[in-house]
C-alpha atoms as a PDB file:
ATOM      1  CA  MET A   1      89.854  26.850 164.562  1.00  0.00           C
ATOM      2  CA  LYS A   2      90.686  30.323 165.837  1.00  0.00           C
ATOM      3  CA  ILE A   3      88.857  33.176 164.121  1.00  0.00           C
ATOM      4  CA  LEU A   4      89.524  36.914 164.382  1.00  0.00           C
ATOM      5  CA  ILE A   5      86.823  39.405 163.391  1.00  0.00           C
ATOM      6  CA  VAL A   6      88.062  42.889 162.510  1.00  0.00           C
ATOM      7  CA  LYS A   7      85.172  45.319 162.889  1.00  0.00           C
ATOM      8  CA  LEU A   8      86.575  48.548 164.246  1.00  0.00           C
ATOM      9  CA  SER A   9      83.491  50.769 164.192  1.00  0.00           C
ATOM     10  CA  ALA A  10      80.873  52.174 164.416  1.00  0.00           C
ATOM     11  CA  PHE A  11      78.131  51.552 166.982  1.00  0.00           C
ATOM     12  CA  GLY A  12      75.371  50.499 164.579  1.00  0.00           C
ATOM     13  CA  ASP A  13      77.708  48.591 162.276  1.00  0.00           C
ATOM     14  CA  ILE A  14      78.932  46.481 165.194  1.00  0.00           C
ATOM     15  CA  ILE A  15      75.300  45.644 166.013  1.00  0.00           C
ATOM     16  CA  HIS A  16      74.750  44.637 162.378  1.00  0.00           C
ATOM     17  CA  ALA A  17      77.660  42.200 162.649  1.00  0.00           C
ATOM     18  CA  LEU A  18      76.110  40.225 165.526  1.00  0.00           C
ATOM     19  CA  PRO A  19      74.441  37.583 163.303  1.00  0.00           C
ATOM     20  CA  ALA A  20      77.812  36.941 161.608  1.00  0.00           C
ATOM     21  CA  LEU A  21      79.381  36.622 165.053  1.00  0.00           C
ATOM     22  CA  ASP A  22      76.692  34.118 166.047  1.00  0.00           C
ATOM     23  CA  ASP A  23      77.365  32.122 162.870  1.00  0.00           C
ATOM     24  CA  VAL A  24      81.046  31.867 163.755  1.00  0.00           C
ATOM     25  CA  LEU A  25      80.433  31.070 167.423  1.00  0.00           C
ATOM     26  CA  ASN A  26      78.001  28.301 166.490  1.00  0.00           C
ATOM     27  CA  HIS A  27      80.223  26.656 163.881  1.00  0.00           C
ATOM     28  CA  PRO A  28      81.363  23.219 165.124  1.00  0.00           C
ATOM     29  CA  LEU A  29      84.964  23.744 163.954  1.00  0.00           C
ATOM     30  CA  VAL A  30      85.453  27.009 165.841  1.00  0.00           C
ATOM     31  CA  GLU A  31      87.098  26.879 169.262  1.00  0.00           C
ATOM     32  CA  GLU A  32      88.071  30.521 169.798  1.00  0.00           C
ATOM     33  CA  VAL A  33      86.614  33.798 168.531  1.00  0.00           C
ATOM     34  CA  HIS A  34      88.412  37.128 168.877  1.00  0.00           C
ATOM     35  CA  TRP A  35      87.299  40.633 167.888  1.00  0.00           C
ATOM     36  CA  LEU A  36      89.395  43.735 167.143  1.00  0.00           C
ATOM     37  CA  VAL A  37      87.615  47.048 167.789  1.00  0.00           C
ATOM     38  CA  ASP A  38      88.589  50.715 167.819  1.00  0.00           C
ATOM     39  CA  SER A  39      88.873  51.760 171.461  1.00  0.00           C
ATOM     40  CA  ARG A  40      86.302  54.541 170.897  1.00  0.00           C
ATOM     41  CA  TYR A  41      83.690  51.807 170.380  1.00  0.00           C
ATOM     42  CA  GLY A  42      84.963  49.332 172.934  1.00  0.00           C
ATOM     43  CA  PHE A  43      81.918  50.036 175.116  1.00  0.00           C
ATOM     44  CA  VAL A  44      79.683  48.349 172.512  1.00  0.00           C
ATOM     45  CA  THR A  45      81.431  45.002 173.006  1.00  0.00           C
ATOM     46  CA  ASP A  46      79.917  44.678 176.484  1.00  0.00           C
ATOM     47  CA  ILE A  47      76.910  43.162 174.703  1.00  0.00           C
ATOM     48  CA  PHE A  48      79.006  40.345 173.175  1.00  0.00           C
ATOM     49  CA  PRO A  49      78.794  36.809 174.519  1.00  0.00           C
ATOM     50  CA  ALA A  50      81.397  36.439 177.255  1.00  0.00           C
ATOM     51  CA  ARG A  51      83.361  33.809 175.299  1.00  0.00           C
ATOM     52  CA  VAL A  52      84.370  36.399 172.672  1.00  0.00           C
ATOM     53  CA  GLN A  53      87.871  37.749 173.380  1.00  0.00           C
ATOM     54  CA  VAL A  54      87.964  41.480 172.625  1.00  0.00           C
ATOM     55  CA  HIS A  55      91.078  43.431 171.645  1.00  0.00           C
ATOM     56  CA  GLN A  56      91.214  47.201 171.274  1.00  0.00           C
ATOM     57  CA  VAL A  57      93.301  49.536 169.139  1.00  0.00           C
ATOM     58  CA  ALA A  58      93.428  53.324 169.626  1.00  0.00           C
ATOM     59  CA  LEU A  59      93.536  54.557 166.036  1.00  0.00           C
ATOM     60  CA  LYS A  60      92.395  58.034 167.070  1.00  0.00           C
ATOM     61  CA  GLY A  61      94.578  58.240 170.175  1.00  0.00           C
ATOM     62  CA  ASP A  62      97.791  60.141 170.778  1.00  0.00           C
ATOM     63  CA  GLN A  63      99.971  57.353 169.379  1.00  0.00           C
ATOM     64  CA  PRO A  64      97.921  55.459 166.768  1.00  0.00           C
ATOM     65  CA  LEU A  65     100.878  53.762 165.059  1.00  0.00           C
ATOM     66  CA  GLN A  66     102.265  52.478 168.345  1.00  0.00           C
ATOM     67  CA  SER A  67      98.819  51.237 169.362  1.00  0.00           C
ATOM     68  CA  ALA A  68      98.340  49.479 166.009  1.00  0.00           C
ATOM     69  CA  TRP A  69     101.759  47.830 166.187  1.00  0.00           C
ATOM     70  CA  ALA A  70     101.137  46.621 169.751  1.00  0.00           C
ATOM     71  CA  ALA A  71      97.791  45.129 168.699  1.00  0.00           C
ATOM     72  CA  ILE A  72      99.323  43.446 165.644  1.00  0.00           C
ATOM     73  CA  LYS A  73     102.134  41.846 167.655  1.00  0.00           C
ATOM     74  CA  LYS A  74      99.674  40.510 170.197  1.00  0.00           C
ATOM     75  CA  LEU A  75      97.300  39.157 167.554  1.00  0.00           C
ATOM     76  CA  ARG A  76     100.026  37.556 165.414  1.00  0.00           C
ATOM     77  CA  ARG A  77     100.982  35.399 168.384  1.00  0.00           C
ATOM     78  CA  LYS A  78      97.453  33.933 168.367  1.00  0.00           C
ATOM     79  CA  GLU A  79      98.070  32.292 164.961  1.00  0.00           C
ATOM     80  CA  PHE A  80      94.512  32.589 163.687  1.00  0.00           C
ATOM     81  CA  ASP A  81      93.191  30.188 161.095  1.00  0.00           C
ATOM     82  CA  ALA A  82      91.246  33.019 159.437  1.00  0.00           C
ATOM     83  CA  VAL A  83      90.559  36.732 159.792  1.00  0.00           C
ATOM     84  CA  LEU A  84      87.237  38.307 158.791  1.00  0.00           C
ATOM     85  CA  ASP A  85      87.493  41.965 157.753  1.00  0.00           C
ATOM     86  CA  LEU A  86      83.956  43.302 158.143  1.00  0.00           C
ATOM     87  CA  GLN A  87      85.041  46.938 157.750  1.00  0.00           C
ATOM     88  CA  GLY A  88      86.136  47.151 154.113  1.00  0.00           C
ATOM     89  CA  LEU A  89      88.594  50.033 154.584  1.00  0.00           C
ATOM     90  CA  MET A  90      92.351  50.336 154.133  1.00  0.00           C
ATOM     91  CA  LYS A  91      92.980  50.605 157.871  1.00  0.00           C
ATOM     92  CA  SER A  92      91.061  47.417 158.609  1.00  0.00           C
ATOM     93  CA  ALA A  93      92.611  45.552 155.678  1.00  0.00           C
ATOM     94  CA  VAL A  94      96.140  46.505 156.771  1.00  0.00           C
ATOM     95  CA  LEU A  95      95.487  45.484 160.367  1.00  0.00           C
ATOM     96  CA  ALA A  96      93.848  42.224 159.293  1.00  0.00           C
ATOM     97  CA  ARG A  97      96.600  41.311 156.819  1.00  0.00           C
ATOM     98  CA  ALA A  98      99.348  42.160 159.315  1.00  0.00           C
ATOM     99  CA  CYS A  99      97.998  39.479 161.650  1.00  0.00           C
ATOM    100  CA  GLY A 100      99.590  36.924 159.311  1.00  0.00           C
ATOM    101  CA  SER A 101      96.540  34.795 158.526  1.00  0.00           C
ATOM    102  CA  PRO A 102      94.214  34.491 155.496  1.00  0.00           C
ATOM    103  CA  VAL A 103      91.851  37.473 155.388  1.00  0.00           C
ATOM    104  CA  TYR A 104      88.304  37.233 154.012  1.00  0.00           C
ATOM    105  CA  ALA A 105      86.547  40.474 153.187  1.00  0.00           C
ATOM    106  CA  PHE A 106      83.992  42.294 151.055  1.00  0.00           C
ATOM    107  CA  ASP A 107      83.082  41.582 147.468  1.00  0.00           C
ATOM    108  CA  LYS A 108      85.248  43.893 145.325  1.00  0.00           C
ATOM    109  CA  ARG A 109      82.101  45.648 144.128  1.00  0.00           C
ATOM    110  CA  PHE A 110      81.305  46.767 147.686  1.00  0.00           C
ATOM    111  CA  VAL A 111      84.744  47.729 149.017  1.00  0.00           C
ATOM    112  CA  ARG A 112      84.585  51.432 149.902  1.00  0.00           C
ATOM    113  CA  GLU A 113      88.336  51.986 149.594  1.00  0.00           C
ATOM    114  CA  LYS A 114      89.314  49.965 146.530  1.00  0.00           C
ATOM    115  CA  PRO A 115      93.027  49.397 147.332  1.00  0.00           C
ATOM    116  CA  ALA A 116      91.898  47.433 150.397  1.00  0.00           C
ATOM    117  CA  ALA A 117      90.759  44.649 148.044  1.00  0.00           C
ATOM    118  CA  LEU A 118      94.391  43.978 147.117  1.00  0.00           C
ATOM    119  CA  LEU A 119      95.149  42.821 150.658  1.00  0.00           C
ATOM    120  CA  THR A 120      92.285  40.377 151.170  1.00  0.00           C
ATOM    121  CA  ARG A 121      90.423  37.405 149.733  1.00  0.00           C
ATOM    122  CA  ASN A 122      87.287  39.044 148.428  1.00  0.00           C
ATOM    123  CA  VAL A 123      84.094  37.089 149.018  1.00  0.00           C
ATOM    124  CA  ARG A 124      81.535  37.211 146.226  1.00  0.00           C
ATOM    125  CA  PHE A 125      78.060  38.305 147.331  1.00  0.00           C
ATOM    126  CA  HIS A 126      74.868  36.957 145.836  1.00  0.00           C
ATOM    127  CA  ASP A 127      72.957  39.691 143.991  1.00  0.00           C
ATOM    128  CA  GLN A 128      70.214  39.442 146.606  1.00  0.00           C
ATOM    129  CA  ASP A 129      72.633  39.855 149.527  1.00  0.00           C
ATOM    130  CA  ARG A 130      71.607  43.505 149.734  1.00  0.00           C
ATOM    131  CA  HIS A 131      71.341  44.027 153.466  1.00  0.00           C
ATOM    132  CA  VAL A 132      74.599  44.582 155.332  1.00  0.00           C
ATOM    133  CA  VAL A 133      73.636  41.803 157.762  1.00  0.00           C
ATOM    134  CA  GLN A 134      73.533  39.363 154.834  1.00  0.00           C
ATOM    135  CA  GLN A 135      76.882  40.626 153.566  1.00  0.00           C
ATOM    136  CA  TYR A 136      78.602  40.219 156.929  1.00  0.00           C
ATOM    137  CA  ARG A 137      77.150  36.716 157.216  1.00  0.00           C
ATOM    138  CA  ARG A 138      78.414  35.893 153.728  1.00  0.00           C
ATOM    139  CA  ILE A 139      81.974  36.845 154.693  1.00  0.00           C
ATOM    140  CA  ALA A 140      81.657  34.763 157.856  1.00  0.00           C
ATOM    141  CA  THR A 141      80.910  31.624 155.806  1.00  0.00           C
ATOM    142  CA  ALA A 142      83.993  31.937 153.598  1.00  0.00           C
ATOM    143  CA  PRO A 143      86.638  30.176 155.760  1.00  0.00           C
ATOM    144  CA  PHE A 144      84.464  27.071 155.941  1.00  0.00           C
ATOM    145  CA  ILE A 145      83.609  26.450 152.267  1.00  0.00           C
ATOM    146  CA  ALA A 146      85.800  25.489 149.326  1.00  0.00           C
ATOM    147  CA  ASP A 147      84.461  27.950 146.767  1.00  0.00           C
ATOM    148  CA  PHE A 148      83.263  31.172 148.349  1.00  0.00           C
ATOM    149  CA  ASN A 149      83.015  32.956 145.005  1.00  0.00           C
ATOM    150  CA  GLN A 150      80.093  30.944 143.614  1.00  0.00           C
ATOM    151  CA  PRO A 151      77.092  31.749 145.852  1.00  0.00           C
ATOM    152  CA  GLU A 152      74.096  29.811 144.559  1.00  0.00           C
ATOM    153  CA  ASN A 153      71.510  31.322 146.916  1.00  0.00           C
ATOM    154  CA  PRO A 154      71.239  34.488 149.007  1.00  0.00           C
ATOM    155  CA  LEU A 155      71.853  34.229 152.725  1.00  0.00           C
ATOM    156  CA  SER A 156      68.842  35.002 154.858  1.00  0.00           C
ATOM    157  CA  TYR A 157      68.550  38.187 156.864  1.00  0.00           C
ATOM    158  CA  ARG A 158      68.693  37.570 160.601  1.00  0.00           C
ATOM    159  CA  GLN A 159      67.731  40.287 163.040  1.00  0.00           C
ATOM    160  CA  PRO A 160      70.695  41.011 165.344  1.00  0.00           C
ATOM    161  CA  GLN A 161      69.968  39.642 168.776  1.00  0.00           C
ATOM    162  CA  ILE A 162      71.533  40.425 172.155  1.00  0.00           C
ATOM    163  CA  ARG A 163      71.379  37.832 174.926  1.00  0.00           C
ATOM    164  CA  LEU A 164      72.104  39.944 177.977  1.00  0.00           C
ATOM    165  CA  SER A 165      72.396  36.915 180.269  1.00  0.00           C
ATOM    166  CA  GLU A 166      75.386  35.714 178.201  1.00  0.00           C
ATOM    167  CA  SER A 167      77.033  39.136 177.920  1.00  0.00           C
ATOM    168  CA  HIS A 168      79.143  41.392 180.136  1.00  0.00           C
ATOM    169  CA  CYS A 169      76.126  43.612 180.827  1.00  0.00           C
ATOM    170  CA  THR A 170      74.549  43.524 184.262  1.00  0.00           C
ATOM    171  CA  SER A 171      70.902  44.285 184.930  1.00  0.00           C
ATOM    172  CA  ASP A 172      70.333  47.618 186.686  1.00  0.00           C
ATOM    173  CA  LYS A 173      66.988  47.093 188.391  1.00  0.00           C
ATOM    174  CA  ASN A 174      67.202  50.439 190.168  1.00  0.00           C
ATOM    175  CA  LEU A 175      67.911  52.538 187.079  1.00  0.00           C
ATOM    176  CA  LEU A 176      64.355  53.633 186.331  1.00  0.00           C
ATOM    177  CA  GLY A 177      63.840  54.548 189.963  1.00  0.00           C
ATOM    178  CA  LYS A 178      67.026  56.635 190.010  1.00  0.00           C
ATOM    179  CA  LEU A 179      65.892  58.448 186.874  1.00  0.00           C
ATOM    180  CA  GLY A 180      62.358  58.943 188.198  1.00  0.00           C
ATOM    181  CA  LEU A 181      60.849  56.826 185.412  1.00  0.00           C
ATOM    182  CA  GLN A 182      59.532  53.800 187.297  1.00  0.00           C
ATOM    183  CA  GLU A 183      55.923  54.979 187.144  1.00  0.00           C
ATOM    184  CA  ARG A 184      56.066  56.448 183.636  1.00  0.00           C
ATOM    185  CA  GLN A 185      55.369  55.078 180.171  1.00  0.00           C
ATOM    186  CA  TYR A 186      58.023  56.569 177.935  1.00  0.00           C
ATOM    187  CA  VAL A 187      59.126  56.609 174.317  1.00  0.00           C
ATOM    188  CA  ILE A 188      62.805  57.209 173.567  1.00  0.00           C
ATOM    189  CA  LEU A 189      63.357  59.917 170.961  1.00  0.00           C
ATOM    190  CA  HIS A 190      66.914  59.785 169.633  1.00  0.00           C
ATOM    191  CA  ALA A 191      67.304  63.106 167.848  1.00  0.00           C
ATOM    192  CA  ALA A 192      71.075  62.610 167.633  1.00  0.00           C
ATOM    193  CA  GLY A 193      73.092  61.087 164.813  1.00  0.00           C
ATOM    194  CA  GLY A 194      76.471  61.265 163.150  1.00  0.00           C
ATOM    195  CA  TRP A 195      75.268  62.489 159.747  1.00  0.00           C
ATOM    196  CA  ALA A 196      73.700  65.920 159.417  1.00  0.00           C
ATOM    197  CA  THR A 197      71.641  64.531 156.533  1.00  0.00           C
ATOM    198  CA  LYS A 198      69.941  61.983 158.801  1.00  0.00           C
ATOM    199  CA  LYS A 199      68.546  64.486 161.297  1.00  0.00           C
ATOM    200  CA  LEU A 200      64.922  65.568 161.465  1.00  0.00           C
ATOM    201  CA  PRO A 201      64.169  69.290 161.824  1.00  0.00           C
ATOM    202  CA  GLU A 202      63.686  70.495 165.408  1.00  0.00           C
ATOM    203  CA  GLU A 203      60.008  71.315 164.879  1.00  0.00           C
ATOM    204  CA  THR A 204      59.303  67.763 163.704  1.00  0.00           C
ATOM    205  CA  TRP A 205      60.784  66.353 166.905  1.00  0.00           C
ATOM    206  CA  LEU A 206      58.830  68.805 169.036  1.00  0.00           C
ATOM    207  CA  THR A 207      55.574  67.911 167.290  1.00  0.00           C
ATOM    208  CA  ILE A 208      56.234  64.221 167.933  1.00  0.00           C
ATOM    209  CA  ALA A 209      57.046  64.923 171.579  1.00  0.00           C
ATOM    210  CA  ARG A 210      53.914  67.005 172.141  1.00  0.00           C
ATOM    211  CA  GLY A 211      51.794  64.348 170.459  1.00  0.00           C
ATOM    212  CA  LEU A 212      53.174  61.757 172.885  1.00  0.00           C
ATOM    213  CA  ALA A 213      52.506  63.994 175.884  1.00  0.00           C
ATOM    214  CA  ASP A 214      48.897  64.397 174.754  1.00  0.00           C
ATOM    215  CA  LYS A 215      48.546  60.608 175.163  1.00  0.00           C
ATOM    216  CA  ASP A 216      50.238  60.674 178.587  1.00  0.00           C
ATOM    217  CA  LEU A 217      53.441  59.173 177.176  1.00  0.00           C
ATOM    218  CA  LEU A 218      56.711  60.759 178.280  1.00  0.00           C
ATOM    219  CA  PRO A 219      58.991  61.874 175.405  1.00  0.00           C
ATOM    220  CA  LEU A 220      62.491  60.904 176.552  1.00  0.00           C
ATOM    221  CA  PHE A 221      65.351  62.461 174.595  1.00  0.00           C
ATOM    222  CA  SER A 222      68.558  60.398 174.547  1.00  0.00           C
ATOM    223  CA  TRP A 223      72.056  61.477 173.576  1.00  0.00           C
ATOM    224  CA  GLY A 224      75.631  60.237 173.189  1.00  0.00           C
ATOM    225  CA  ASN A 225      77.927  63.268 173.463  1.00  0.00           C
ATOM    226  CA  GLU A 226      77.922  66.739 174.988  1.00  0.00           C
ATOM    227  CA  THR A 227      76.616  68.476 171.865  1.00  0.00           C
ATOM    228  CA  GLU A 228      73.732  66.021 171.654  1.00  0.00           C
ATOM    229  CA  ALA A 229      73.118  66.403 175.397  1.00  0.00           C
ATOM    230  CA  ALA A 230      72.635  70.156 174.990  1.00  0.00           C
ATOM    231  CA  GLN A 231      70.212  69.539 172.127  1.00  0.00           C
ATOM    232  CA  ALA A 232      68.258  66.951 174.144  1.00  0.00           C
ATOM    233  CA  LYS A 233      67.945  69.350 177.073  1.00  0.00           C
ATOM    234  CA  SER A 234      66.779  72.144 174.771  1.00  0.00           C
ATOM    235  CA  PHE A 235      64.170  69.947 173.069  1.00  0.00           C
ATOM    236  CA  ALA A 236      62.871  68.583 176.377  1.00  0.00           C
ATOM    237  CA  GLY A 237      62.504  72.072 177.785  1.00  0.00           C
ATOM    238  CA  LYS A 238      60.344  73.160 174.864  1.00  0.00           C
ATOM    239  CA  CYS A 239      57.849  70.294 175.088  1.00  0.00           C
ATOM    240  CA  ASN A 240      57.710  69.337 178.765  1.00  0.00           C
ATOM    241  CA  GLY A 241      59.750  66.255 177.932  1.00  0.00           C
ATOM    242  CA  TYR A 242      62.667  64.527 179.631  1.00  0.00           C
ATOM    243  CA  ALA A 243      66.355  64.558 178.713  1.00  0.00           C
ATOM    244  CA  LEU A 244      68.726  61.945 180.090  1.00  0.00           C
ATOM    245  CA  PRO A 245      70.635  63.645 182.922  1.00  0.00           C
ATOM    246  CA  GLU A 246      73.854  61.691 182.347  1.00  0.00           C
ATOM    247  CA  ARG A 247      75.633  59.469 179.870  1.00  0.00           C
ATOM    248  CA  LEU A 248      74.738  55.835 180.468  1.00  0.00           C
ATOM    249  CA  ASN A 249      77.055  52.855 180.195  1.00  0.00           C
ATOM    250  CA  MET A 250      75.960  49.914 178.065  1.00  0.00           C
ATOM    251  CA  SER A 251      74.343  48.015 180.929  1.00  0.00           C
ATOM    252  CA  ALA A 252      72.260  51.024 181.954  1.00  0.00           C
ATOM    253  CA  LEU A 253      71.404  51.889 178.356  1.00  0.00           C
ATOM    254  CA  CYS A 254      70.102  48.365 177.780  1.00  0.00           C
ATOM    255  CA  SER A 255      67.983  48.638 180.931  1.00  0.00           C
ATOM    256  CA  LEU A 256      66.558  51.983 179.800  1.00  0.00           C
ATOM    257  CA  ILE A 257      65.711  50.647 176.337  1.00  0.00           C
ATOM    258  CA  GLY A 258      64.184  47.522 177.858  1.00  0.00           C
ATOM    259  CA  GLY A 259      61.585  49.641 179.651  1.00  0.00           C
ATOM    260  CA  ALA A 260      60.676  51.827 176.665  1.00  0.00           C
ATOM    261  CA  ARG A 261      57.370  51.642 174.831  1.00  0.00           C
ATOM    262  CA  ALA A 262      59.282  52.223 171.576  1.00  0.00           C
ATOM    263  CA  VAL A 263      62.378  53.951 170.201  1.00  0.00           C
ATOM    264  CA  VAL A 264      62.286  56.552 167.416  1.00  0.00           C
ATOM    265  CA  GLY A 265      65.284  57.824 165.485  1.00  0.00           C
ATOM    266  CA  ALA A 266      67.419  57.761 162.392  1.00  0.00           C
ATOM    267  CA  ASP A 267      69.783  55.046 161.173  1.00  0.00           C
ATOM    268  CA  THR A 268      71.944  55.174 164.313  1.00  0.00           C
ATOM    269  CA  GLY A 269      73.605  52.824 166.764  1.00  0.00           C
ATOM    270  CA  LEU A 270      71.046  53.336 169.504  1.00  0.00           C
ATOM    271  CA  LEU A 271      68.187  52.417 167.157  1.00  0.00           C
ATOM    272  CA  HIS A 272      69.937  49.222 166.081  1.00  0.00           C
ATOM    273  CA  LEU A 273      70.696  48.427 169.718  1.00  0.00           C
ATOM    274  CA  ALA A 274      66.994  48.800 170.535  1.00  0.00           C
ATOM    275  CA  ALA A 275      66.027  46.455 167.711  1.00  0.00           C
ATOM    276  CA  ALA A 276      68.594  43.884 168.863  1.00  0.00           C
ATOM    277  CA  LEU A 277      67.012  44.093 172.337  1.00  0.00           C
ATOM    278  CA  ASN A 278      63.639  43.262 170.751  1.00  0.00           C
ATOM    279  CA  ARG A 279      62.021  46.666 171.299  1.00  0.00           C
ATOM    280  CA  PRO A 280      59.739  48.284 168.672  1.00  0.00           C
ATOM    281  CA  THR A 281      61.536  50.879 166.544  1.00  0.00           C
ATOM    282  CA  ILE A 282      60.519  53.568 164.080  1.00  0.00           C
ATOM    283  CA  THR A 283      63.236  54.776 161.745  1.00  0.00           C
ATOM    284  CA  PHE A 284      63.165  57.326 158.941  1.00  0.00           C
ATOM    285  CA  TRP A 285      65.169  57.114 155.747  1.00  0.00           C
ATOM    286  CA  GLY A 286      66.413  59.501 153.069  1.00  0.00           C
ATOM    287  CA  PRO A 287      70.177  59.671 152.425  1.00  0.00           C
ATOM    288  CA  SER A 288      70.676  56.063 153.554  1.00  0.00           C
ATOM    289  CA  ALA A 289      68.650  53.049 152.412  1.00  0.00           C
ATOM    290  CA  SER A 290      66.353  50.918 154.532  1.00  0.00           C
ATOM    291  CA  TRP A 291      66.965  47.900 152.296  1.00  0.00           C
ATOM    292  CA  ASN A 292      70.659  48.126 153.190  1.00  0.00           C
ATOM    293  CA  SER A 293      70.597  48.595 156.962  1.00  0.00           C
ATOM    294  CA  ALA A 294      67.131  48.913 158.545  1.00  0.00           C
ATOM    295  CA  PRO A 295      65.919  46.601 161.320  1.00  0.00           C
ATOM    296  CA  LEU A 296      63.378  44.225 159.809  1.00  0.00           C
ATOM    297  CA  SER A 297      60.363  42.724 161.546  1.00  0.00           C
ATOM    298  CA  VAL A 298      61.599  39.165 161.907  1.00  0.00           C
ATOM    299  CA  ARG A 299      63.357  37.361 164.716  1.00  0.00           C
ATOM    300  CA  ASN A 300      65.799  34.806 163.369  1.00  0.00           C
ATOM    301  CA  GLY A 301      63.371  33.573 160.747  1.00  0.00           C
ATOM    302  CA  SER A 302      60.200  33.833 162.820  1.00  0.00           C
ATOM    303  CA  THR A 303      57.672  36.612 163.346  1.00  0.00           C
ATOM    304  CA  ASP A 304      57.559  36.617 167.149  1.00  0.00           C
ATOM    305  CA  GLY A 305      59.879  39.578 167.595  1.00  0.00           C
ATOM    306  CA  ALA A 306      59.198  43.281 167.946  1.00  0.00           C
ATOM    307  CA  LYS A 307      57.905  45.197 164.953  1.00  0.00           C
ATOM    308  CA  HIS A 308      60.086  47.711 163.153  1.00  0.00           C
ATOM    309  CA  TRP A 309      58.686  50.445 160.946  1.00  0.00           C
ATOM    310  CA  GLN A 310      60.595  52.382 158.269  1.00  0.00           C
ATOM    311  CA  ILE A 311      59.328  55.728 157.020  1.00  0.00           C
ATOM    312  CA  GLU A 312      60.821  56.611 153.643  1.00  0.00           C
ATOM    313  CA  SER A 313      61.206  60.114 152.245  1.00  0.00           C
ATOM    314  CA  ASN A 314      62.121  58.681 148.791  1.00  0.00           C
ATOM    315  CA  PRO A 315      63.760  61.808 147.324  1.00  0.00           C
ATOM    316  CA  ASP A 316      64.456  61.761 143.592  1.00  0.00           C
ATOM    317  CA  CYS A 317      68.161  62.138 144.369  1.00  0.00           C
ATOM    318  CA  GLY A 318      68.364  59.348 146.946  1.00  0.00           C
ATOM    319  CA  PRO A 319      69.491  57.297 148.553  1.00  0.00           C
ATOM    320  CA  CYS A 320      72.784  59.141 148.047  1.00  0.00           C
ATOM    321  CA  PHE A 321      74.650  57.964 151.196  1.00  0.00           C
ATOM    322  CA  LYS A 322      76.084  61.470 151.606  1.00  0.00           C
ATOM    323  CA  ARG A 323      76.860  63.021 154.982  1.00  0.00           C
ATOM    324  CA  THR A 324      76.366  66.583 153.704  1.00  0.00           C
ATOM    325  CA  CYS A 325      74.083  68.038 151.053  1.00  0.00           C
ATOM    326  CA  ASP A 326      73.585  71.347 149.223  1.00  0.00           C
ATOM    327  CA  ASN A 327      69.942  70.561 148.419  1.00  0.00           C
ATOM    328  CA  PHE A 328      68.721  68.965 151.623  1.00  0.00           C
ATOM    329  CA  VAL A 329      65.124  67.758 151.212  1.00  0.00           C
ATOM    330  CA  CYS A 330      65.169  64.268 152.761  1.00  0.00           C
ATOM    331  CA  MET A 331      64.167  64.903 156.341  1.00  0.00           C
ATOM    332  CA  ASN A 332      61.756  67.749 155.603  1.00  0.00           C
ATOM    333  CA  ALA A 333      59.644  65.152 153.786  1.00  0.00           C
ATOM    334  CA  ILE A 334      59.200  63.056 156.969  1.00  0.00           C
ATOM    335  CA  SER A 335      56.052  64.127 158.793  1.00  0.00           C
ATOM    336  CA  ALA A 336      55.595  63.978 162.542  1.00  0.00           C
ATOM    337  CA  GLU A 337      52.049  62.695 161.956  1.00  0.00           C
ATOM    338  CA  SER A 338      53.296  59.564 160.187  1.00  0.00           C
ATOM    339  CA  ILE A 339      55.436  58.692 163.216  1.00  0.00           C
ATOM    340  CA  LEU A 340      52.738  59.548 165.772  1.00  0.00           C
ATOM    341  CA  ARG A 341      50.198  57.422 163.918  1.00  0.00           C
ATOM    342  CA  ILE A 342      52.367  54.352 164.470  1.00  0.00           C
ATOM    343  CA  LEU A 343      53.163  55.220 168.084  1.00  0.00           C
ATOM    344  CA  HIS A 344      49.495  55.666 168.971  1.00  0.00           C
ATOM    345  CA  GLU A 345      48.707  52.237 167.505  1.00  0.00           C
ATOM    346  CA  LEU A 346      51.295  50.388 169.605  1.00  0.00           C
END
């Protein structure tokens, strides 16, 4: 069988889909696996096993319709046996359906843009398939079973796992030396994030950073774009910390994370990447829900992996899953001391 996975974005969501990808790759009937990604997130696919064939579409480029049509024509020629839409949006449903093969997608109750459900075969989730990893895995089972709308048992959560030796990433043994970090113990503080409602106040970050420095641990501020780079530099300057001097490619980013004592941040791609690389993580939750997308402290059914801690603000109005808020209380309820307590115990 030939399978196409349509998961266009974003960074963390692609990481969450890795267990579903593993399920497909390991199925005895599957001979080829392809993946369609938005070109803005093509860099993430460097962590995929090399046997996955990646295709890109520039939906935010200068000519999105032409790019989409070119991708569709190329993919239709592959004659897939099934397409898995792990995005649940109209754009992904249209692209998936246009490939000319049966499309399996989200339970109708979980489709974010409801008209998308009209274009796909909607896979029923078990009531206990609450984590997005379970939901992606559920969709991935659908092409191989006769009745995918009668789930008798929930699918297990599996921590996303990256096997760098099987990926397109190359080890950068000189990275820490180039960055002046080879003799330092450091904790990555990822103060960035796409949602304003997921960001901790500046003073909270600075208190965490100073608490690390008091224990001779270097607070290392990471970033993903120019705005975040300016913030990282500002924070580092106020606490005698360290801001990444340049944007890192995926190979270098994996090397940096691999040497970290731990990674702290919100529900973001870098945090999920760190968890998939088996590094300890501390995340904080308010507008989004840990039961839906947090890294959990298991490693493919065992307990030999890194530990992951979730600090909940538990506002009366949450989780609301909103990107903006007129009564923002979530992140003010997260204390620096609760994060430092965990870091000092590592």
